[in-house]
């Protein structure tokens, strides 16, 4: 890059080598790797992975680190998350002197509110906020009272008055705008993701038996408890393997209690967290991904499943709709457990011949999405 390259300061609570927070980390890595020859990227993030009390390995806290990210070099500040304040953020911003601040997420004092307050002192900086699904109804309805007062403060203080908004799907934009956010100066660009596999790995599918995988953070928004309650009502043989970081301990305790009560024809196992490098190997050992989220703005879990040639069973609250028409999966209702269970049973009853067409359809949808538009150019325009 030249000395005239724009400086972009990316803000998000988690970043490489952290991996447990999932898709947003991978999306940011992809943005940097695709555009690092055009922009000078800096990242401010937390020094801990999701749910961890021990700092990330091989990094220095409260300091700038030179990080090798695939083919890119990026300067990363790993924050200790102590003594955080708008003044601390002013010092960081002053040091970097960015042209653009790109904030990811929305429900965090240290990584949204404090930076927004600090940025008010730097009128020349262009600010972009990517809420990453946190302003969708399904997300806000988790601990709604606390979030109501938090959002009211941000709005009444005018902290987002001059920002540009980045949404990763039409559905996310519509929901956020219904709640009064991102109505003006908004751009919709899907996340960047890796090239899908060349051909799907076919896993034989017996009639009446299905192996499902859940690979996502364990929180109420992801609706795992509902999934477990639903599978308990299924009549076919269901095997569900759960991968992901336990973010809400009390919620997971409820899930475990129900898992212990499953009937004999249902098997549910927790397999721990996973690294993004391992996700394809995990997916191809199953017939389908299942993720009945209350809200999804894009969902790297879904696109990774499709990219591995695995159909997705998901709710109607994602940007991935009409899956069955494309033979890439199924959008099923999560309003009634019996209805949901019946839909899962019908999928489990499918034979191998039918299911192989869904492996191919899933991969085709991923490829179509991958080549549909020049998303790199769209990000270039966003940062323009």
Protein backbone atom coordinates (compact mmCIF):
# COMPACT_ATOMS: atom_id res chain seq x y z
CA UNK A 1 0.00 0.00 0.00
CA UNK A 2 1.09 3.56 -0.55
CA UNK A 3 1.65 6.24 2.08
CA UNK A 4 -1.59 7.80 0.80
CA UNK A 5 -3.69 4.76 1.68
CA UNK A 6 -6.68 5.41 3.88
CA UNK A 7 -6.40 4.21 7.45
CA UNK A 8 -9.31 2.08 8.67
CA UNK A 9 -9.67 1.39 12.38
CA UNK A 10 -11.79 -1.73 12.93
CA UNK A 11 -13.43 -2.16 16.33
CA UNK A 12 -14.87 -5.43 17.58
CA UNK A 13 -14.64 -7.25 20.90
CA UNK A 14 -13.06 -10.39 19.36
CA UNK A 15 -10.39 -10.86 16.70
CA UNK A 16 -7.76 -13.37 15.60
CA UNK A 17 -6.36 -15.48 17.22
CA UNK A 18 -9.72 -15.53 19.05
CA UNK A 19 -12.17 -17.84 17.24
CA UNK A 20 -14.96 -18.84 19.62
CA UNK A 21 -17.18 -15.82 18.82
CA UNK A 22 -17.71 -17.20 15.34
CA UNK A 23 -18.60 -15.59 12.04
CA UNK A 24 -17.90 -11.91 12.64
CA UNK A 25 -14.23 -12.67 13.29
CA UNK A 26 -14.00 -14.57 10.00
CA UNK A 27 -15.81 -11.81 8.15
CA UNK A 28 -13.34 -9.19 9.40
CA UNK A 29 -10.38 -11.42 8.54
CA UNK A 30 -11.75 -11.77 5.00
CA UNK A 31 -12.26 -8.02 4.58
CA UNK A 32 -8.67 -7.34 5.63
CA UNK A 33 -7.16 -10.10 3.48
CA UNK A 34 -9.09 -8.97 0.38
CA UNK A 35 -8.37 -5.22 0.77
CA UNK A 36 -5.08 -4.95 2.65
CA UNK A 37 -3.22 -3.84 -0.49
CA UNK A 38 -5.54 -0.82 -0.74
CA UNK A 39 -6.06 0.24 2.89
CA UNK A 40 -4.00 0.47 6.05
CA UNK A 41 -5.93 -1.58 8.62
CA UNK A 42 -5.75 -1.28 12.40
CA UNK A 43 -7.86 -3.35 14.80
CA UNK A 44 -8.82 -2.67 18.42
CA UNK A 45 -10.20 -5.74 20.14
CA UNK A 46 -10.33 -7.57 23.45
CA UNK A 47 -7.40 -9.61 24.65
CA UNK A 48 -9.54 -12.64 25.50
CA UNK A 49 -11.53 -15.21 23.55
CA UNK A 50 -15.24 -15.60 24.22
CA UNK A 51 -15.88 -16.98 27.72
CA UNK A 52 -12.18 -17.06 28.64
CA UNK A 53 -10.44 -15.44 31.63
CA UNK A 54 -6.92 -16.17 30.37
CA UNK A 55 -5.54 -13.81 27.69
CA UNK A 56 -4.99 -14.97 24.12
CA UNK A 57 -1.64 -16.66 23.53
CA UNK A 58 1.33 -14.88 21.96
CA UNK A 59 -0.12 -11.37 22.22
CA UNK A 60 0.75 -8.35 24.35
CA UNK A 61 -2.12 -6.70 26.19
CA UNK A 62 -2.74 -2.94 26.01
CA UNK A 63 -0.22 -2.58 23.20
CA UNK A 64 -0.02 -2.64 19.42
CA UNK A 65 0.85 -6.07 18.04
CA UNK A 66 2.01 -6.85 14.49
CA UNK A 67 -0.18 -9.79 13.50
CA UNK A 68 0.32 -12.03 10.47
CA UNK A 69 -3.16 -12.75 9.11
CA UNK A 70 -3.04 -15.17 6.17
CA UNK A 71 -1.17 -13.11 3.57
CA UNK A 72 -1.69 -9.82 5.40
CA UNK A 73 0.00 -7.91 8.19
CA UNK A 74 -2.26 -5.93 10.50
CA UNK A 75 -1.66 -3.86 13.63
CA UNK A 76 -3.89 -5.04 16.48
CA UNK A 77 -4.44 -3.51 19.93
CA UNK A 78 -5.53 -6.22 22.39
CA UNK A 79 -7.30 -4.43 25.21
CA UNK A 80 -7.18 -5.65 28.79
CA UNK A 81 -10.75 -4.33 29.21
CA UNK A 82 -9.81 -2.60 32.44
CA UNK A 83 -10.01 1.16 33.02
CA UNK A 84 -11.79 1.47 29.70
CA UNK A 85 -13.33 4.89 29.09
CA UNK A 86 -14.04 7.41 26.31
CA UNK A 87 -10.74 9.12 27.21
CA UNK A 88 -8.80 5.89 26.65
CA UNK A 89 -10.49 5.57 23.28
CA UNK A 90 -9.59 9.16 22.42
CA UNK A 91 -5.93 8.34 22.97
CA UNK A 92 -6.14 5.23 20.77
CA UNK A 93 -7.95 7.09 17.99
CA UNK A 94 -5.51 10.00 18.22
CA UNK A 95 -2.56 7.59 17.89
CA UNK A 96 -3.96 5.84 14.81
CA UNK A 97 -5.47 8.99 13.26
CA UNK A 98 -7.80 6.94 11.03
CA UNK A 99 -9.83 8.19 8.10
CA UNK A 100 -12.55 5.65 8.90
CA UNK A 101 -13.68 3.94 12.09
CA UNK A 102 -15.59 0.71 11.39
CA UNK A 103 -17.48 -0.47 14.50
CA UNK A 104 -18.90 -4.01 14.61
CA UNK A 105 -21.68 -4.99 16.97
CA UNK A 106 -23.91 -2.72 19.00
CA UNK A 107 -24.55 -3.96 22.54
CA UNK A 108 -21.24 -3.19 24.23
CA UNK A 109 -20.09 -0.29 26.40
CA UNK A 110 -16.38 -0.73 25.73
CA UNK A 111 -16.55 -1.50 22.02
CA UNK A 112 -19.45 0.69 20.88
CA UNK A 113 -20.61 3.30 23.37
CA UNK A 114 -17.19 4.54 24.53
CA UNK A 115 -15.74 4.71 20.98
CA UNK A 116 -18.84 6.58 19.77
CA UNK A 117 -18.45 9.13 22.56
CA UNK A 118 -14.74 9.51 21.81
CA UNK A 119 -15.29 9.94 18.06
CA UNK A 120 -17.37 13.07 18.69
CA UNK A 121 -14.06 14.88 19.27
CA UNK A 122 -12.77 13.98 15.78
CA UNK A 123 -15.06 15.61 13.24
CA UNK A 124 -12.98 14.53 10.22
CA UNK A 125 -13.44 10.80 10.88
CA UNK A 126 -16.02 8.86 8.89
CA UNK A 127 -17.81 6.39 11.17
CA UNK A 128 -19.42 3.18 9.93
CA UNK A 129 -21.44 0.87 12.20
CA UNK A 130 -22.18 -2.77 11.31
CA UNK A 131 -24.66 -3.91 14.01
CA UNK A 132 -24.15 -7.58 13.04
CA UNK A 133 -27.75 -8.55 13.81
CA UNK A 134 -27.80 -6.95 17.25
CA UNK A 135 -30.57 -4.52 16.24
CA UNK A 136 -32.93 -7.21 15.05
CA UNK A 137 -36.08 -7.86 17.06
CA UNK A 138 -35.07 -11.40 18.00
CA UNK A 139 -31.80 -10.13 19.49
CA UNK A 140 -33.28 -7.13 21.30
CA UNK A 141 -35.99 -9.29 22.89
CA UNK A 142 -33.28 -11.05 24.91
CA UNK A 143 -32.93 -8.98 28.12
CA UNK A 144 -35.08 -6.26 26.52
CA UNK A 145 -35.37 -3.77 29.43
CA UNK A 146 -31.62 -3.35 29.84
CA UNK A 147 -31.22 -2.91 26.09
CA UNK A 148 -34.10 -0.43 25.91
CA UNK A 149 -32.39 2.04 28.27
CA UNK A 150 -29.02 1.52 26.59
CA UNK A 151 -30.44 2.22 23.13
CA UNK A 152 -32.46 5.18 24.35
CA UNK A 153 -29.31 6.78 25.74
CA UNK A 154 -27.42 6.36 22.46
CA UNK A 155 -30.33 7.79 20.50
CA UNK A 156 -31.05 10.73 22.81
CA UNK A 157 -27.34 11.65 22.94
CA UNK A 158 -27.23 11.79 19.14
CA UNK A 159 -24.20 9.50 19.00
CA UNK A 160 -25.27 7.86 15.73
CA UNK A 161 -26.47 11.05 14.07
CA UNK A 162 -23.79 11.19 11.37
CA UNK A 163 -22.78 7.54 11.04
CA UNK A 164 -23.05 5.35 7.97
CA UNK A 165 -24.70 1.97 8.51
CA UNK A 166 -23.59 -1.37 7.11
CA UNK A 167 -26.14 -4.19 7.15
CA UNK A 168 -25.29 -7.66 5.85
CA UNK A 169 -28.78 -8.53 4.60
CA UNK A 170 -32.04 -6.90 3.54
CA UNK A 171 -33.83 -8.61 6.44
CA UNK A 172 -31.40 -7.15 8.98
CA UNK A 173 -31.80 -3.65 7.51
CA UNK A 174 -35.60 -3.83 7.52
CA UNK A 175 -35.79 -4.98 11.15
CA UNK A 176 -33.31 -2.40 12.39
CA UNK A 177 -35.06 0.39 10.51
CA UNK A 178 -38.44 -0.60 11.95
CA UNK A 179 -36.89 0.08 15.35
CA UNK A 180 -35.60 3.45 14.17
CA UNK A 181 -31.97 2.58 13.44
CA UNK A 182 -30.05 2.98 10.20
CA UNK A 183 -32.90 4.70 8.37
CA UNK A 184 -30.54 7.10 6.62
CA UNK A 185 -27.22 6.44 4.90
CA UNK A 186 -27.38 2.64 4.98
CA UNK A 187 -25.60 0.10 2.76
CA UNK A 188 -26.39 -3.62 2.43
CA UNK A 189 -23.40 -5.85 1.66
CA UNK A 190 -23.25 -9.55 2.61
CA UNK A 191 -20.24 -10.90 4.49
CA UNK A 192 -17.25 -12.09 2.53
CA UNK A 193 -16.71 -15.84 2.77
CA UNK A 194 -14.31 -18.44 1.41
CA UNK A 195 -14.79 -20.27 -1.86
CA UNK A 196 -17.08 -23.33 -1.48
CA UNK A 197 -15.74 -26.87 -1.88
CA UNK A 198 -15.51 -28.15 -5.45
CA UNK A 199 -17.83 -31.14 -4.96
CA UNK A 200 -19.99 -32.25 -2.02
CA UNK A 201 -18.97 -35.27 0.05
CA UNK A 202 -21.97 -37.59 -0.08
CA UNK A 203 -22.94 -39.19 3.25
CA UNK A 204 -25.33 -42.12 2.87
CA UNK A 205 -28.81 -41.32 4.21
CA UNK A 206 -31.08 -44.12 5.52
CA UNK A 207 -34.84 -43.63 5.62
CA UNK A 208 -36.00 -42.61 9.09
CA UNK A 209 -32.54 -41.69 10.39
CA UNK A 210 -30.78 -38.33 10.25
CA UNK A 211 -27.55 -36.93 11.69
CA UNK A 212 -27.81 -33.22 12.44
CA UNK A 213 -25.25 -30.70 13.62
CA UNK A 214 -25.68 -27.43 15.49
CA UNK A 215 -22.55 -25.27 15.20
CA UNK A 216 -23.01 -21.87 16.77
CA UNK A 217 -22.73 -19.90 20.01
CA UNK A 218 -25.06 -21.20 22.72
CA UNK A 219 -27.36 -18.29 23.60
CA UNK A 220 -31.15 -17.75 23.77
CA UNK A 221 -31.04 -15.93 20.42
CA UNK A 222 -29.80 -19.10 18.71
CA UNK A 223 -32.80 -20.98 20.18
CA UNK A 224 -31.04 -24.22 21.06
CA UNK A 225 -33.43 -24.95 23.94
CA UNK A 226 -36.38 -24.83 21.55
CA UNK A 227 -34.53 -27.15 19.18
CA UNK A 228 -33.94 -29.69 21.96
CA UNK A 229 -37.57 -29.48 23.10
CA UNK A 230 -38.67 -30.03 19.50
CA UNK A 231 -36.40 -32.97 18.78
CA UNK A 232 -37.75 -34.68 21.90
CA UNK A 233 -41.13 -34.77 20.10
CA UNK A 234 -39.77 -36.34 16.91
CA UNK A 235 -40.75 -39.91 16.05
CA UNK A 236 -37.79 -40.69 13.75
CA UNK A 237 -34.25 -41.55 14.85
CA UNK A 238 -32.43 -38.25 15.33
CA UNK A 239 -28.78 -37.73 16.19
CA UNK A 240 -27.81 -34.17 17.09
CA UNK A 241 -24.24 -33.07 17.78
CA UNK A 242 -23.87 -29.64 19.37
CA UNK A 243 -20.72 -27.59 18.76
CA UNK A 244 -20.20 -24.11 20.13
CA UNK A 245 -19.12 -21.90 23.01
CA UNK A 246 -21.47 -21.78 25.99
CA UNK A 247 -22.10 -18.05 26.36
CA UNK A 248 -25.13 -18.24 28.68
CA UNK A 249 -24.44 -20.75 31.49
CA UNK A 250 -27.98 -20.76 32.97
CA UNK A 251 -29.47 -21.25 29.53
CA UNK A 252 -27.13 -24.19 28.87
CA UNK A 253 -28.09 -25.75 32.21
CA UNK A 254 -31.71 -25.81 31.00
CA UNK A 255 -30.57 -27.44 27.76
CA UNK A 256 -28.56 -30.10 29.62
CA UNK A 257 -31.51 -30.92 31.86
CA UNK A 258 -33.66 -31.67 28.81
CA UNK A 259 -30.91 -33.57 27.00
CA UNK A 260 -30.74 -35.97 29.94
CA UNK A 261 -34.43 -36.81 29.43
CA UNK A 262 -34.34 -37.73 25.74
CA UNK A 263 -36.19 -40.86 24.58
CA UNK A 264 -34.12 -43.82 23.36
CA UNK A 265 -34.46 -43.02 19.65
CA UNK A 266 -32.98 -39.54 20.16
CA UNK A 267 -29.26 -38.92 20.74
CA UNK A 268 -27.98 -35.45 21.64
CA UNK A 269 -24.31 -34.88 22.47
CA UNK A 270 -22.35 -31.71 23.28
CA UNK A 271 -19.01 -31.85 21.47
CA UNK A 272 -17.45 -28.63 22.79
CA UNK A 273 -16.31 -25.55 20.90
CA UNK A 274 -14.75 -25.73 17.45
CA UNK A 275 -12.23 -23.81 15.40
CA UNK A 276 -13.36 -22.35 12.08
CA UNK A 277 -10.60 -24.34 10.33
CA UNK A 278 -12.36 -27.56 11.38
CA UNK A 279 -15.93 -26.68 10.42
CA UNK A 280 -16.00 -28.38 7.01
CA UNK A 281 -14.73 -31.67 8.47
CA UNK A 282 -17.41 -31.45 11.17
CA UNK A 283 -20.20 -30.68 8.71
CA UNK A 284 -19.50 -33.53 6.27
CA UNK A 285 -19.91 -36.07 9.07
CA UNK A 286 -23.58 -35.05 9.24
CA UNK A 287 -26.51 -34.97 6.84
CA UNK A 288 -27.55 -31.39 7.58
CA UNK A 289 -26.95 -28.31 9.72
CA UNK A 290 -29.84 -27.23 11.97
CA UNK A 291 -30.06 -23.71 13.37
CA UNK A 292 -33.50 -22.46 14.42
CA UNK A 293 -32.41 -18.93 15.35
CA UNK A 294 -34.81 -16.22 16.46
CA UNK A 295 -32.80 -13.79 14.34
CA UNK A 296 -29.85 -13.99 11.94
CA UNK A 297 -28.40 -11.11 9.94
CA UNK A 298 -26.26 -13.32 7.67
CA UNK A 299 -25.02 -16.37 9.60
CA UNK A 300 -21.58 -17.71 8.76
CA UNK A 301 -22.73 -21.07 10.15
CA UNK A 302 -25.35 -21.32 7.40
CA UNK A 303 -23.05 -20.25 4.58
CA UNK A 304 -20.32 -22.61 5.82
CA UNK A 305 -22.81 -25.48 5.75
CA UNK A 306 -23.95 -24.65 2.23
CA UNK A 307 -20.32 -24.20 1.15
CA UNK A 308 -19.53 -27.70 2.43
CA UNK A 309 -22.44 -29.17 0.44
CA UNK A 310 -24.69 -29.63 3.44
CA UNK A 311 -28.33 -28.48 3.43
CA UNK A 312 -29.58 -26.30 6.26
CA UNK A 313 -32.69 -26.64 8.42
CA UNK A 314 -33.36 -23.16 9.71
CA UNK A 315 -36.10 -20.80 10.83
CA UNK A 316 -37.86 -18.16 8.78
CA UNK A 317 -35.85 -15.44 10.54
CA UNK A 318 -32.74 -15.49 8.38
CA UNK A 319 -31.70 -13.93 5.09
CA UNK A 320 -31.55 -17.45 3.62
CA UNK A 321 -35.12 -18.02 2.47
CA UNK A 322 -36.78 -20.30 -0.11
CA UNK A 323 -34.22 -22.97 0.71
CA UNK A 324 -36.45 -25.91 -0.18
CA UNK A 325 -37.30 -24.46 -3.60
CA UNK A 326 -33.56 -24.35 -4.29
CA UNK A 327 -33.03 -27.85 -2.82
CA UNK A 328 -30.56 -26.31 -0.39
CA UNK A 329 -32.44 -26.89 2.85
CA UNK A 330 -35.65 -26.03 4.64
CA UNK A 331 -37.11 -22.92 6.32
CA UNK A 332 -39.42 -24.27 9.02
CA UNK A 333 -41.78 -22.59 11.46
CA UNK A 334 -40.67 -22.15 15.08
CA UNK A 335 -44.09 -21.04 16.34
CA UNK A 336 -45.27 -24.51 17.40
CA UNK A 337 -43.04 -27.35 18.62
CA UNK A 338 -45.28 -30.09 17.20
CA UNK A 339 -45.27 -28.46 13.77
CA UNK A 340 -41.50 -28.03 13.91
CA UNK A 341 -41.01 -31.65 15.03
CA UNK A 342 -43.22 -32.88 12.21
CA UNK A 343 -41.12 -30.94 9.68
CA UNK A 344 -37.90 -32.48 11.04
CA UNK A 345 -39.48 -35.95 10.92
CA UNK A 346 -40.41 -35.48 7.26
CA UNK A 347 -36.79 -34.57 6.45
CA UNK A 348 -35.56 -37.60 8.42
CA UNK A 349 -37.84 -39.87 6.33
CA UNK A 350 -36.12 -38.88 3.08
CA UNK A 351 -34.10 -41.54 1.28
CA UNK A 352 -30.53 -41.31 0.03
CA UNK A 353 -31.49 -40.51 -3.57
CA UNK A 354 -33.54 -37.47 -2.56
CA UNK A 355 -31.00 -36.30 0.00
CA UNK A 356 -28.12 -36.35 -2.47
CA UNK A 357 -29.99 -33.76 -4.53
CA UNK A 358 -29.98 -31.50 -1.44
CA UNK A 359 -26.22 -31.89 -1.03
CA UNK A 360 -25.81 -30.67 -4.61
CA UNK A 361 -28.43 -27.95 -4.19
CA UNK A 362 -26.75 -26.59 -1.06
CA UNK A 363 -23.40 -26.33 -2.80
CA UNK A 364 -25.01 -24.74 -5.86
CA UNK A 365 -26.61 -22.03 -3.71
CA UNK A 366 -23.28 -21.31 -2.02
CA UNK A 367 -21.56 -21.03 -5.40
CA UNK A 368 -24.29 -18.77 -6.73
CA UNK A 369 -23.87 -16.48 -3.72
CA UNK A 370 -20.09 -16.54 -4.03
CA UNK A 371 -20.04 -15.40 -7.67
CA UNK A 372 -23.28 -13.36 -7.72
CA UNK A 373 -21.77 -9.93 -7.19
CA UNK A 374 -18.42 -8.28 -6.70
CA UNK A 375 -18.73 -7.83 -2.94
CA UNK A 376 -15.12 -6.70 -2.67
CA UNK A 377 -15.99 -3.73 -4.88
CA UNK A 378 -18.99 -3.03 -2.64
CA UNK A 379 -16.76 -2.92 0.45
CA UNK A 380 -14.37 -0.67 -1.44
CA UNK A 381 -17.28 1.69 -2.08
CA UNK A 382 -18.37 1.48 1.57
CA UNK A 383 -14.91 2.60 2.66
CA UNK A 384 -14.66 5.15 -0.16
